[in-house]
N, C-alpha and C. Protein backbone atom coordinates (compact mmCIF):
# COMPACT_ATOMS: atom_id res chain seq x y z
N MET A 1 0.84 -1.17 0.00
CA MET A 1 0.00 0.00 0.00
C MET A 1 0.89 1.24 0.00
N THR A 2 0.63 2.12 -0.91
CA THR A 2 1.41 3.34 -1.04
C THR A 2 0.85 4.41 -0.08
N PRO A 3 1.65 5.41 0.21
CA PRO A 3 1.15 6.48 1.09
C PRO A 3 -0.09 7.18 0.52
N ASP A 4 -0.17 7.31 -0.78
CA ASP A 4 -1.34 7.97 -1.37
C ASP A 4 -2.59 7.12 -1.17
N GLU A 5 -2.47 5.82 -1.33
CA GLU A 5 -3.63 4.93 -1.10
C GLU A 5 -4.05 4.97 0.36
N LEU A 6 -3.08 5.02 1.24
CA LEU A 6 -3.39 5.07 2.67
C LEU A 6 -4.14 6.36 3.01
N LEU A 7 -3.69 7.47 2.46
CA LEU A 7 -4.37 8.74 2.70
C LEU A 7 -5.77 8.76 2.10
N ALA A 8 -5.96 8.10 0.99
CA ALA A 8 -7.28 8.06 0.35
C ALA A 8 -8.26 7.26 1.20
N GLN A 9 -7.80 6.27 1.95
CA GLN A 9 -8.68 5.44 2.77
C GLN A 9 -9.02 6.09 4.12
N LEU A 10 -8.29 7.10 4.50
CA LEU A 10 -8.57 7.78 5.76
C LEU A 10 -9.85 8.58 5.67
N ALA A 11 -10.50 8.74 6.82
CA ALA A 11 -11.71 9.55 6.86
C ALA A 11 -11.33 11.01 6.66
N PRO A 12 -12.22 11.80 6.08
CA PRO A 12 -11.89 13.21 5.86
C PRO A 12 -11.75 13.94 7.21
N PRO A 13 -10.88 14.91 7.27
CA PRO A 13 -10.70 15.63 8.54
C PRO A 13 -11.97 16.40 8.90
N ARG A 14 -12.23 16.49 10.20
CA ARG A 14 -13.43 17.17 10.67
C ARG A 14 -13.16 18.63 11.04
N LEU A 15 -11.92 18.98 11.17
CA LEU A 15 -11.56 20.34 11.53
C LEU A 15 -11.18 21.12 10.28
N PRO A 16 -11.37 22.42 10.32
CA PRO A 16 -10.96 23.23 9.16
C PRO A 16 -9.44 23.17 8.96
N PRO A 17 -8.96 23.25 7.76
CA PRO A 17 -7.52 23.15 7.49
C PRO A 17 -6.71 24.29 8.10
N GLU A 18 -7.35 25.44 8.42
CA GLU A 18 -6.62 26.56 8.99
C GLU A 18 -6.09 26.23 10.39
N ILE A 19 -6.72 25.30 11.07
CA ILE A 19 -6.30 24.96 12.43
C ILE A 19 -4.94 24.26 12.40
N GLY A 20 -4.66 23.52 11.37
CA GLY A 20 -3.40 22.80 11.28
C GLY A 20 -2.21 23.69 10.99
N ALA A 21 -2.44 24.87 10.47
CA ALA A 21 -1.36 25.79 10.13
C ALA A 21 -1.22 26.84 11.23
N LEU A 22 0.03 27.14 11.56
CA LEU A 22 0.29 28.15 12.59
C LEU A 22 0.27 29.54 11.98
N GLY A 23 -0.48 30.42 12.60
CA GLY A 23 -0.52 31.81 12.18
C GLY A 23 0.48 32.61 13.00
N TRP A 24 0.53 33.91 12.74
CA TRP A 24 1.50 34.74 13.44
C TRP A 24 1.16 34.85 14.93
N ARG A 25 -0.11 34.79 15.26
CA ARG A 25 -0.50 34.87 16.68
C ARG A 25 -0.03 33.63 17.45
N GLU A 26 -0.21 32.48 16.85
CA GLU A 26 0.22 31.25 17.51
C GLU A 26 1.74 31.19 17.65
N ILE A 27 2.44 31.61 16.62
CA ILE A 27 3.90 31.63 16.66
C ILE A 27 4.38 32.60 17.75
N LEU A 28 3.75 33.76 17.85
CA LEU A 28 4.11 34.73 18.86
C LEU A 28 3.83 34.19 20.27
N ALA A 29 2.69 33.51 20.43
CA ALA A 29 2.36 32.92 21.74
C ALA A 29 3.36 31.82 22.10
N LEU A 30 3.72 30.99 21.16
CA LEU A 30 4.70 29.93 21.43
C LEU A 30 6.08 30.51 21.75
N ALA A 31 6.47 31.57 21.08
CA ALA A 31 7.75 32.21 21.38
C ALA A 31 7.73 32.80 22.79
N GLY A 32 6.62 33.42 23.17
CA GLY A 32 6.49 33.97 24.52
C GLY A 32 6.55 32.89 25.59
N ILE A 33 5.86 31.79 25.35
CA ILE A 33 5.90 30.67 26.29
C ILE A 33 7.31 30.10 26.38
N GLY A 34 7.99 30.01 25.25
CA GLY A 34 9.37 29.52 25.25
C GLY A 34 10.29 30.43 26.04
N LEU A 35 10.12 31.74 25.88
CA LEU A 35 10.95 32.68 26.65
C LEU A 35 10.67 32.57 28.14
N LEU A 36 9.41 32.44 28.52
CA LEU A 36 9.08 32.29 29.94
C LEU A 36 9.64 30.99 30.52
N LEU A 37 9.56 29.91 29.77
CA LEU A 37 10.12 28.65 30.24
C LEU A 37 11.64 28.72 30.34
N GLY A 38 12.28 29.41 29.40
CA GLY A 38 13.72 29.59 29.47
C GLY A 38 14.13 30.42 30.67
N LEU A 39 13.38 31.47 30.97
CA LEU A 39 13.66 32.29 32.14
C LEU A 39 13.47 31.49 33.42
N LEU A 40 12.42 30.71 33.47
CA LEU A 40 12.17 29.87 34.65
C LEU A 40 13.30 28.85 34.84
N ALA A 41 13.74 28.23 33.75
CA ALA A 41 14.84 27.27 33.84
C ALA A 41 16.12 27.95 34.30
N ALA A 42 16.38 29.15 33.81
CA ALA A 42 17.59 29.88 34.23
C ALA A 42 17.53 30.22 35.71
N LEU A 43 16.37 30.62 36.20
CA LEU A 43 16.24 30.95 37.62
C LEU A 43 16.39 29.71 38.49
N VAL A 44 15.88 28.58 38.03
CA VAL A 44 16.00 27.35 38.81
C VAL A 44 17.44 26.86 38.83
N LEU A 45 18.15 26.99 37.73
CA LEU A 45 19.52 26.48 37.64
C LEU A 45 20.56 27.45 38.16
N ARG A 46 20.19 28.69 38.41
CA ARG A 46 21.17 29.69 38.84
C ARG A 46 21.94 29.29 40.10
N PRO A 47 21.28 28.80 41.16
CA PRO A 47 22.06 28.41 42.34
C PRO A 47 23.04 27.28 42.07
N LEU A 48 22.73 26.45 41.09
CA LEU A 48 23.61 25.33 40.79
C LEU A 48 24.79 25.73 39.93
N THR A 49 24.66 26.83 39.22
CA THR A 49 25.72 27.21 38.28
C THR A 49 26.58 28.38 38.74
N THR A 50 26.18 29.03 39.84
CA THR A 50 27.00 30.14 40.32
C THR A 50 28.25 29.61 40.99
N ARG A 51 29.31 30.35 40.86
CA ARG A 51 30.58 29.94 41.43
C ARG A 51 30.66 30.42 42.87
N LYS A 52 31.06 29.53 43.75
CA LYS A 52 31.20 29.89 45.16
C LYS A 52 32.49 30.68 45.34
N PRO A 53 32.47 31.66 46.24
CA PRO A 53 33.71 32.41 46.47
C PRO A 53 34.76 31.51 47.12
N SER A 54 36.01 31.77 46.82
CA SER A 54 37.10 30.96 47.37
C SER A 54 37.28 31.28 48.84
N ARG A 55 38.00 30.40 49.52
CA ARG A 55 38.29 30.64 50.94
C ARG A 55 39.10 31.90 51.11
N ARG A 56 39.99 32.14 50.18
CA ARG A 56 40.82 33.35 50.25
C ARG A 56 39.92 34.59 50.20
N ALA A 57 38.94 34.58 49.30
CA ALA A 57 38.03 35.73 49.20
C ALA A 57 37.17 35.86 50.45
N LEU A 58 36.73 34.75 51.00
CA LEU A 58 35.92 34.79 52.22
C LEU A 58 36.74 35.31 53.40
N VAL A 59 38.00 34.88 53.50
CA VAL A 59 38.86 35.35 54.58
C VAL A 59 39.14 36.84 54.41
N ARG A 60 39.38 37.28 53.18
CA ARG A 60 39.64 38.71 52.95
C ARG A 60 38.40 39.55 53.24
N ALA A 61 37.23 38.97 53.10
CA ALA A 61 36.00 39.71 53.38
C ALA A 61 35.83 40.00 54.87
N THR A 62 36.60 39.32 55.70
CA THR A 62 36.50 39.57 57.15
C THR A 62 37.37 40.74 57.59
N ARG A 63 38.09 41.35 56.67
CA ARG A 63 38.92 42.51 57.03
C ARG A 63 38.04 43.61 57.60
N GLY A 64 38.55 44.28 58.60
CA GLY A 64 37.81 45.36 59.21
C GLY A 64 37.01 44.95 60.43
N MET A 65 36.86 43.65 60.65
CA MET A 65 36.17 43.18 61.85
C MET A 65 37.11 43.29 63.04
N PRO A 66 36.56 43.37 64.24
CA PRO A 66 37.43 43.31 65.41
C PRO A 66 38.20 41.99 65.41
N PRO A 67 39.44 41.97 65.90
CA PRO A 67 40.28 40.77 65.79
C PRO A 67 39.63 39.50 66.37
N GLU A 68 38.98 39.59 67.53
CA GLU A 68 38.39 38.39 68.14
C GLU A 68 37.24 37.86 67.28
N VAL A 69 36.43 38.77 66.76
CA VAL A 69 35.31 38.37 65.90
C VAL A 69 35.83 37.82 64.59
N ARG A 70 36.88 38.42 64.07
CA ARG A 70 37.47 37.97 62.81
C ARG A 70 38.04 36.56 62.94
N ILE A 71 38.67 36.27 64.07
CA ILE A 71 39.24 34.94 64.27
C ILE A 71 38.13 33.89 64.29
N LEU A 72 37.03 34.20 64.95
CA LEU A 72 35.92 33.25 65.00
C LEU A 72 35.25 33.11 63.63
N ALA A 73 35.15 34.19 62.88
CA ALA A 73 34.58 34.11 61.53
C ALA A 73 35.47 33.26 60.63
N ILE A 74 36.77 33.41 60.76
CA ILE A 74 37.70 32.60 59.97
C ILE A 74 37.59 31.13 60.36
N ALA A 75 37.40 30.86 61.64
CA ALA A 75 37.22 29.47 62.08
C ALA A 75 35.97 28.86 61.45
N ARG A 76 34.91 29.65 61.34
CA ARG A 76 33.70 29.15 60.68
C ARG A 76 33.94 28.90 59.19
N ILE A 77 34.67 29.79 58.54
CA ILE A 77 34.95 29.64 57.12
C ILE A 77 35.79 28.40 56.87
N LEU A 78 36.84 28.20 57.67
CA LEU A 78 37.75 27.08 57.46
C LEU A 78 37.19 25.77 58.00
N GLY A 79 36.26 25.86 58.92
CA GLY A 79 35.74 24.65 59.54
C GLY A 79 36.60 24.16 60.69
N ARG A 80 37.59 24.94 61.03
CA ARG A 80 38.50 24.61 62.14
C ARG A 80 39.18 25.89 62.57
N LEU A 81 39.73 25.88 63.76
CA LEU A 81 40.48 27.03 64.26
C LEU A 81 41.97 26.71 64.13
N PRO A 82 42.71 27.45 63.32
CA PRO A 82 44.14 27.18 63.18
C PRO A 82 44.84 27.27 64.55
N ASP A 83 45.77 26.36 64.78
CA ASP A 83 46.47 26.29 66.08
C ASP A 83 47.11 27.61 66.50
N PRO A 84 47.78 28.37 65.62
CA PRO A 84 48.39 29.62 66.08
C PRO A 84 47.36 30.67 66.53
N LEU A 85 46.11 30.52 66.13
CA LEU A 85 45.09 31.50 66.51
C LEU A 85 44.31 31.09 67.77
N ARG A 86 44.53 29.87 68.26
CA ARG A 86 43.78 29.39 69.43
C ARG A 86 43.97 30.27 70.67
N PRO A 87 45.19 30.63 71.05
CA PRO A 87 45.33 31.47 72.25
C PRO A 87 44.60 32.81 72.12
N ALA A 88 44.65 33.41 70.95
CA ALA A 88 43.97 34.70 70.76
C ALA A 88 42.46 34.53 70.78
N ALA A 89 41.96 33.40 70.25
CA ALA A 89 40.51 33.17 70.24
C ALA A 89 39.97 32.99 71.65
N TYR A 90 40.76 32.39 72.53
CA TYR A 90 40.30 32.14 73.90
C TYR A 90 40.74 33.23 74.88
N GLY A 91 41.36 34.29 74.38
CA GLY A 91 41.74 35.41 75.22
C GLY A 91 43.00 35.20 76.02
N ALA A 92 43.76 34.16 75.75
CA ALA A 92 44.99 33.89 76.48
C ALA A 92 46.16 34.71 75.95
N ALA A 93 46.03 35.25 74.76
CA ALA A 93 47.09 36.05 74.16
C ALA A 93 46.44 37.17 73.35
N PRO A 94 47.16 38.25 73.13
CA PRO A 94 46.58 39.31 72.29
C PRO A 94 46.45 38.82 70.84
N ALA A 95 45.46 39.36 70.17
CA ALA A 95 45.22 38.96 68.78
C ALA A 95 46.32 39.53 67.88
N PRO A 96 46.78 38.74 66.93
CA PRO A 96 47.77 39.25 65.98
C PRO A 96 47.15 40.31 65.07
N ASP A 97 47.99 41.00 64.32
CA ASP A 97 47.46 42.01 63.41
C ASP A 97 46.75 41.34 62.24
N ASP A 98 46.06 42.15 61.44
CA ASP A 98 45.23 41.62 60.35
C ASP A 98 46.03 40.80 59.34
N ALA A 99 47.21 41.27 58.98
CA ALA A 99 48.03 40.54 57.99
C ALA A 99 48.46 39.18 58.55
N ALA A 100 48.79 39.14 59.82
CA ALA A 100 49.21 37.87 60.42
C ALA A 100 48.04 36.90 60.51
N ILE A 101 46.87 37.40 60.87
CA ILE A 101 45.67 36.54 60.93
C ILE A 101 45.39 35.94 59.56
N GLU A 102 45.46 36.77 58.54
CA GLU A 102 45.19 36.30 57.19
C GLU A 102 46.24 35.28 56.74
N ARG A 103 47.49 35.55 57.03
CA ARG A 103 48.58 34.63 56.64
C ARG A 103 48.41 33.29 57.33
N ILE A 104 48.07 33.29 58.61
CA ILE A 104 47.87 32.05 59.36
C ILE A 104 46.67 31.29 58.81
N ALA A 105 45.59 32.01 58.51
CA ALA A 105 44.37 31.38 58.03
C ALA A 105 44.56 30.72 56.66
N LEU A 106 45.34 31.36 55.82
CA LEU A 106 45.49 30.86 54.45
C LEU A 106 46.69 29.92 54.28
N LYS A 107 47.49 29.76 55.33
CA LYS A 107 48.66 28.89 55.23
C LYS A 107 48.20 27.45 55.16
N GLY A 108 48.76 26.71 54.23
CA GLY A 108 48.48 25.27 54.14
C GLY A 108 47.27 24.94 53.29
N ARG A 109 46.19 25.67 53.43
CA ARG A 109 44.97 25.38 52.66
C ARG A 109 44.66 26.54 51.75
N GLN A 110 44.88 26.35 50.47
CA GLN A 110 44.52 27.36 49.49
C GLN A 110 43.18 26.97 48.90
N GLY A 111 42.37 27.94 48.50
CA GLY A 111 41.11 27.57 47.87
C GLY A 111 40.18 28.63 47.75
């Protein structure tokens, strides 16, 4: 059976032929829906695709804080308190200057 014979045996369509063709309104509506879906997908994927700041950037962002608060913030960032900063964190020794705190925090673990 050829495609023409198959089409001849089919029942005639019940809908007007204009419905099968896309007009400018339908194309515009589909483009708008596509743009909205693309925007929604971008908003959903944004948290997954953004780059996290490095530890170095996070440690540098603590500049300007009081030394005791800065040491604790750095401990939270690193997930541990570096041994040279322990006495200053517990008040047993004066806090080092900002450059020394940063050097101690970033020593050994870059990221």
